[in-house]
Protein backbone atom coordinates (compact mmCIF):
# COMPACT_ATOMS: atom_id res chain seq x y z
CA MET A 1 57.43 70.91 131.71
CA PRO A 2 61.24 71.25 131.64
CA LYS A 3 62.83 72.54 134.84
CA ILE A 4 64.73 75.17 132.82
CA THR A 5 62.81 76.81 129.98
CA ARG A 6 65.34 79.51 129.12
CA PRO A 7 68.03 79.13 126.41
CA LEU A 8 71.32 77.49 127.41
CA ARG A 9 73.03 77.51 124.02
CA SER A 10 76.42 78.70 125.26
CA VAL A 11 77.66 77.81 128.76
CA LEU A 12 81.05 79.41 129.35
CA TYR A 13 83.54 78.29 132.00
CA ILE A 14 85.09 81.23 133.89
CA PRO A 15 87.81 80.77 136.58
CA GLY A 16 86.45 81.83 139.94
CA SER A 17 89.89 83.03 140.99
CA LYS A 18 90.49 85.59 138.23
CA PRO A 19 88.95 89.05 138.84
CA ARG A 20 89.62 90.22 135.26
CA ALA A 21 87.91 87.17 133.78
CA LEU A 22 84.98 87.54 136.17
CA ASP A 23 84.61 91.16 135.12
CA LYS A 24 84.86 90.44 131.40
CA ALA A 25 82.17 87.78 131.69
CA ARG A 26 79.64 90.54 132.38
CA THR A 27 79.97 91.67 128.76
CA LEU A 28 80.02 88.33 126.92
CA ALA A 29 77.17 86.98 124.79
CA CYS A 30 76.80 83.69 126.66
CA ASP A 31 73.51 82.28 127.91
CA ALA A 32 75.07 80.87 131.07
CA ILE A 33 78.32 81.02 133.03
CA ILE A 34 79.91 78.23 135.04
CA PHE A 35 82.03 79.99 137.64
CA ASP A 36 84.69 77.36 138.23
CA LEU A 37 86.26 76.63 141.61
CA GLU A 38 87.53 73.23 140.48
CA ASP A 39 89.77 72.54 137.46
CA ALA A 40 90.46 76.19 136.61
CA VAL A 41 91.77 77.03 140.10
CA THR A 42 95.15 75.93 141.50
CA PRO A 43 95.25 74.26 144.93
CA GLU A 44 96.97 77.33 146.38
CA GLU A 45 94.08 79.55 145.27
CA LYS A 46 91.16 77.28 146.20
CA VAL A 47 90.24 79.06 149.43
CA SER A 48 90.79 82.63 148.23
CA ALA A 49 88.84 81.89 145.03
CA ARG A 50 85.67 81.51 147.09
CA GLU A 51 86.04 85.06 148.39
CA THR A 52 86.93 86.43 144.96
CA LEU A 53 83.89 84.81 143.37
CA ALA A 54 81.53 85.79 146.19
CA ALA A 55 82.58 89.43 145.80
CA ALA A 56 82.07 89.38 142.03
CA LEU A 57 78.60 87.84 142.32
CA ALA A 58 77.64 90.26 145.07
CA GLU A 59 78.66 93.14 142.79
CA GLY A 60 76.33 91.75 140.12
CA GLY A 61 76.18 92.96 136.56
CA TYR A 62 75.73 89.55 134.93
CA GLY A 63 72.29 90.42 133.60
CA ALA A 64 70.13 87.56 132.38
CA ARG A 65 73.03 85.09 132.20
CA TYR A 66 72.32 81.93 134.18
CA LYS A 67 74.89 81.70 136.97
CA VAL A 68 76.23 78.30 138.02
CA ILE A 69 79.06 77.59 140.47
CA ARG A 70 81.15 74.47 139.97
CA ILE A 71 82.55 73.41 143.31
CA ASN A 72 85.31 70.93 144.05
CA GLY A 73 84.30 67.34 144.65
CA LEU A 74 82.96 66.51 148.09
CA ASP A 75 85.74 63.92 148.40
CA THR A 76 88.34 66.73 148.37
CA GLU A 77 89.42 68.96 151.24
CA TRP A 78 87.68 71.95 149.62
CA GLY A 79 84.37 70.50 148.47
CA ALA A 80 82.18 70.82 151.56
CA ASP A 81 83.35 74.37 152.30
CA ASP A 82 82.86 75.28 148.63
CA ALA A 83 79.30 73.98 148.80
CA ARG A 84 78.41 75.92 151.94
CA ALA A 85 79.95 79.09 150.53
CA ALA A 86 78.29 78.70 147.12
CA ALA A 87 74.87 78.26 148.70
CA LYS A 88 75.19 81.78 150.13
CA MET A 89 76.29 83.38 146.84
CA ASP A 90 74.06 85.05 144.26
CA ALA A 91 73.95 82.11 141.86
CA ASP A 92 71.21 80.05 140.24
CA ALA A 93 72.64 76.56 140.71
CA ILE A 94 75.59 74.56 142.02
CA LEU A 95 77.44 72.11 139.77
CA LEU A 96 78.96 68.99 141.33
CA PRO A 97 81.85 67.25 139.53
CA LYS A 98 82.28 63.49 139.16
CA VAL A 99 78.68 62.57 140.00
CA GLY A 100 78.46 58.78 139.94
CA ASN A 101 75.10 58.07 141.51
CA PRO A 102 72.15 59.91 143.13
CA SER A 103 73.67 59.65 146.61
CA ASP A 104 76.37 62.12 145.51
CA LEU A 105 73.64 64.68 144.87
CA ASP A 106 71.98 63.80 148.18
CA ALA A 107 75.23 64.62 149.95
CA LEU A 108 75.44 67.99 148.21
CA ALA A 109 71.79 68.77 148.90
CA ALA A 110 72.40 68.15 152.60
CA LEU A 111 74.94 70.99 152.51
CA VAL A 112 73.13 73.51 150.29
CA GLY A 113 69.45 73.08 151.12
CA ASP A 114 67.03 73.52 148.26
CA THR A 115 69.51 75.20 145.88
CA PRO A 116 69.09 73.76 142.36
CA LEU A 117 71.81 71.28 141.40
CA TRP A 118 73.68 70.49 138.18
CA ALA A 119 75.69 67.30 137.68
CA MET A 120 78.95 66.76 135.79
CA MET A 121 78.54 63.52 133.85
CA GLU A 122 82.14 62.46 133.23
CA THR A 123 82.74 58.89 134.42
CA PRO A 124 81.72 55.43 133.23
CA MET A 125 79.70 55.00 136.43
CA ALA A 126 77.77 58.19 135.65
CA MET A 127 76.91 56.84 132.22
CA LEU A 128 75.60 53.59 133.70
CA ASN A 129 73.58 55.48 136.34
CA ALA A 130 72.39 58.35 134.13
CA GLY A 131 68.70 57.51 134.49
CA ALA A 132 68.82 57.38 138.29
CA ILE A 133 70.90 60.56 138.47
CA GLY A 134 68.51 62.37 136.15
CA ALA A 135 65.60 61.48 138.42
CA HIS A 136 67.03 63.35 141.42
CA PRO A 137 64.39 65.90 142.49
CA GLN A 138 66.85 68.79 142.86
CA LEU A 139 68.69 68.21 139.61
CA GLU A 140 67.91 70.63 136.79
CA ALA A 141 70.78 69.98 134.35
CA MET A 142 73.48 67.54 133.31
CA VAL A 143 76.81 68.71 131.90
CA MET A 144 78.97 66.33 129.88
CA GLY A 145 82.60 66.10 130.96
CA THR A 146 83.92 64.59 127.76
CA ASN A 147 87.62 65.09 128.49
CA ASP A 148 87.44 63.06 131.70
CA LEU A 149 85.18 60.49 130.07
CA ASN A 150 87.69 60.07 127.23
CA LYS A 151 90.43 59.53 129.81
CA ASP A 152 88.51 56.95 131.82
CA LEU A 153 87.37 55.06 128.72
CA GLN A 154 90.94 55.09 127.35
CA THR A 155 89.63 56.09 123.93
CA ARG A 156 91.33 57.64 120.97
CA THR A 157 90.14 61.15 120.18
CA ARG A 158 88.07 61.19 117.00
CA ALA A 159 86.32 64.04 115.23
CA ASP A 160 83.10 62.01 115.06
CA ARG A 161 83.26 61.20 118.82
CA LEU A 162 82.27 57.63 118.06
CA PRO A 163 83.83 56.21 121.28
CA LEU A 164 81.65 58.58 123.35
CA MET A 165 78.36 58.02 121.54
CA THR A 166 77.01 55.44 123.97
CA GLY A 167 77.61 57.67 126.97
CA LEU A 168 76.39 60.83 125.27
CA GLY A 169 73.25 59.05 124.12
CA LEU A 170 72.48 57.59 127.56
CA CYS A 171 72.74 61.03 129.15
CA VAL A 172 70.53 62.65 126.50
CA LEU A 173 67.92 59.93 127.05
CA ALA A 174 68.06 60.41 130.82
CA ALA A 175 67.77 64.19 130.55
CA LYS A 176 64.81 64.06 128.17
CA ALA A 177 63.07 61.40 130.25
CA HIS A 178 63.26 63.58 133.36
CA GLN A 179 62.84 66.93 131.58
CA ILE A 180 66.11 68.44 132.68
CA ALA A 181 68.63 70.38 130.59
CA ILE A 182 71.55 68.59 128.95
CA ILE A 183 74.73 70.47 127.98
CA ASP A 184 77.38 69.01 125.69
CA GLY A 185 81.08 68.87 126.57
CA VAL A 186 83.82 71.29 125.61
CA TYR A 187 85.73 71.51 122.33
CA ASN A 188 89.38 71.92 123.24
CA ALA A 189 90.73 73.52 120.04
CA PHE A 190 89.35 76.97 120.75
CA LYS A 191 90.79 78.49 117.57
CA ASP A 192 89.23 75.85 115.31
CA ASP A 193 85.82 77.31 114.44
CA ASP A 194 85.15 74.73 111.75
CA GLY A 195 85.74 71.82 114.10
CA LEU A 196 83.64 73.48 116.80
CA LYS A 197 80.79 73.95 114.35
CA VAL A 198 80.85 70.29 113.34
CA GLU A 199 80.79 69.14 116.97
CA SER A 200 78.14 71.70 117.96
CA ASP A 201 75.90 70.68 115.06
CA GLN A 202 76.33 67.06 116.06
CA GLY A 203 75.34 67.87 119.64
CA ARG A 204 72.32 69.86 118.50
CA ASP A 205 71.24 67.01 116.23
CA MET A 206 71.50 64.60 119.18
CA GLY A 207 69.23 66.75 121.32
CA PHE A 208 71.66 68.69 123.51
CA ASP A 209 70.42 72.11 124.66
CA GLY A 210 73.79 73.80 124.35
CA LYS A 211 77.54 73.43 124.67
CA THR A 212 80.06 74.16 127.37
CA LEU A 213 82.85 76.45 126.16
CA ILE A 214 86.37 77.22 127.33
CA HIS A 215 86.96 80.51 125.49
CA PRO A 216 84.85 83.55 124.54
CA ALA A 217 85.97 83.09 120.91
CA GLN A 218 83.70 80.04 120.77
CA LEU A 219 80.49 81.87 121.68
CA ASP A 220 79.28 82.88 118.22
CA VAL A 221 79.58 79.37 116.80
CA ALA A 222 77.75 77.74 119.70
CA ASN A 223 75.02 80.36 119.80
CA ALA A 224 74.37 79.91 116.10
CA ALA A 225 74.41 76.11 116.24
CA PHE A 226 71.87 75.88 119.05
CA SER A 227 69.56 78.62 117.75
CA PRO A 228 66.72 77.90 115.31
CA SER A 229 67.85 78.89 111.83
CA GLN A 230 65.85 81.26 109.65
CA GLU A 231 64.83 78.26 107.54
CA GLU A 232 63.65 76.33 110.61
CA ALA A 233 61.66 79.29 111.88
CA ASP A 234 60.06 79.84 108.48
CA LEU A 235 59.12 76.17 108.20
CA ALA A 236 57.64 76.22 111.71
CA ARG A 237 55.41 79.18 110.86
CA ARG A 238 54.23 77.57 107.63
CA GLN A 239 53.50 74.27 109.38
CA ILE A 240 51.42 75.96 112.06
CA ALA A 241 49.52 78.05 109.51
CA ALA A 242 48.79 75.06 107.27
CA PHE A 243 47.67 72.89 110.16
CA GLU A 244 45.38 75.57 111.61
CA GLU A 245 43.89 76.31 108.20
CA THR A 246 43.15 72.65 107.55
CA GLU A 247 41.75 72.19 111.04
CA ALA A 248 39.47 75.19 110.66
CA SER A 249 38.10 73.94 107.34
CA GLY A 250 37.63 70.42 108.63
CA GLN A 251 38.92 68.99 105.37
CA GLY A 252 41.86 66.74 104.49
CA VAL A 253 45.28 66.84 106.03
CA ALA A 254 47.83 69.65 106.21
CA VAL A 255 50.76 69.37 103.81
CA VAL A 256 53.87 71.57 103.71
CA ASP A 257 56.68 71.03 101.19
CA GLY A 258 55.15 67.70 100.22
CA ARG A 259 55.12 66.37 103.78
CA ILE A 260 52.12 65.70 106.01
CA VAL A 261 51.90 67.94 109.08
CA GLU A 262 50.51 66.27 112.20
CA ASN A 263 50.02 67.37 115.80
CA LEU A 264 53.55 66.36 116.79
CA HIS A 265 55.03 68.48 114.01
CA VAL A 266 53.00 71.47 115.15
CA ALA A 267 54.14 70.96 118.75
CA THR A 268 57.77 70.95 117.59
CA ALA A 269 57.12 74.03 115.44
CA ARG A 270 55.69 75.93 118.40
CA GLU A 271 58.67 74.92 120.55
CA THR A 272 61.00 76.22 117.84
CA LEU A 273 59.28 79.60 117.73
CA ALA A 274 59.13 79.80 121.53
CA LYS A 275 62.88 79.17 121.71
CA LEU A 276 63.53 81.84 119.11
CA LYS A 277 61.41 84.29 121.07
CA ALA A 278 63.28 83.46 124.29
CA ILE A 279 66.64 83.99 122.55
CA GLN A 280 65.50 87.36 121.22
CA ALA A 281 64.37 88.36 124.71
CA LEU A 282 67.80 87.47 126.14
CA GLN A 283 69.53 89.56 123.51
CA GLN A 284 67.48 92.60 124.50
CA GLU A 285 68.44 92.41 128.17
């Protein structure tokens, strides 16, 4: 059973230091919010951002959106205090940047108790240790940090993300093996809907649960890409009906659109419909 069963199609970064952005996030159609105390906050605002974010979360109003706080690294002067402060805030999980091995998560857990943890997967070491990181008992999600990974790998940026495929694939495998969520990296050109759609579709095809986003304008594309389409939902219903009918009659094998339908196809069909139902429930809240 996955540790997170709710949709995480769109995971939007929001600066923890900006009251207007924190307020606007209450109205946005994202499945989850990463309240950022790291990259989106200047060094001068690091300490005050904790208080700003704590006040916003205490005020509430974020509805069913999953609330995650990204702290600064524990190797920085702000990380440990961020962690202790975040553990007291009204959030669902704490996201640690630059996770390289399970001991990094152990160090965070020692500061935040049994709070669920998320891990930024953004270094070559993280890619090599993805399986061990994914096995950490408090970890419930991995988040790809593709910009930092590109930098460390010294790659050229390509639309097909070929240089990142090994790392992306290792993290997807680790997440699926340990039944945790896996969220794809950001798409930097926030006005390029076509490019975002291509990358989101690629991530969905690879098995990612959703995509991290840097701008509200990207929400519709990500939500659509990681939602079952009408065609997928229709096929799922027909597969289930055909399989159940054949099973009840005790004759032959189920066939839909010229393809045999087996138990594994029915399991996938039921997961598709369950996800669609969960998305519809979120939209009503």
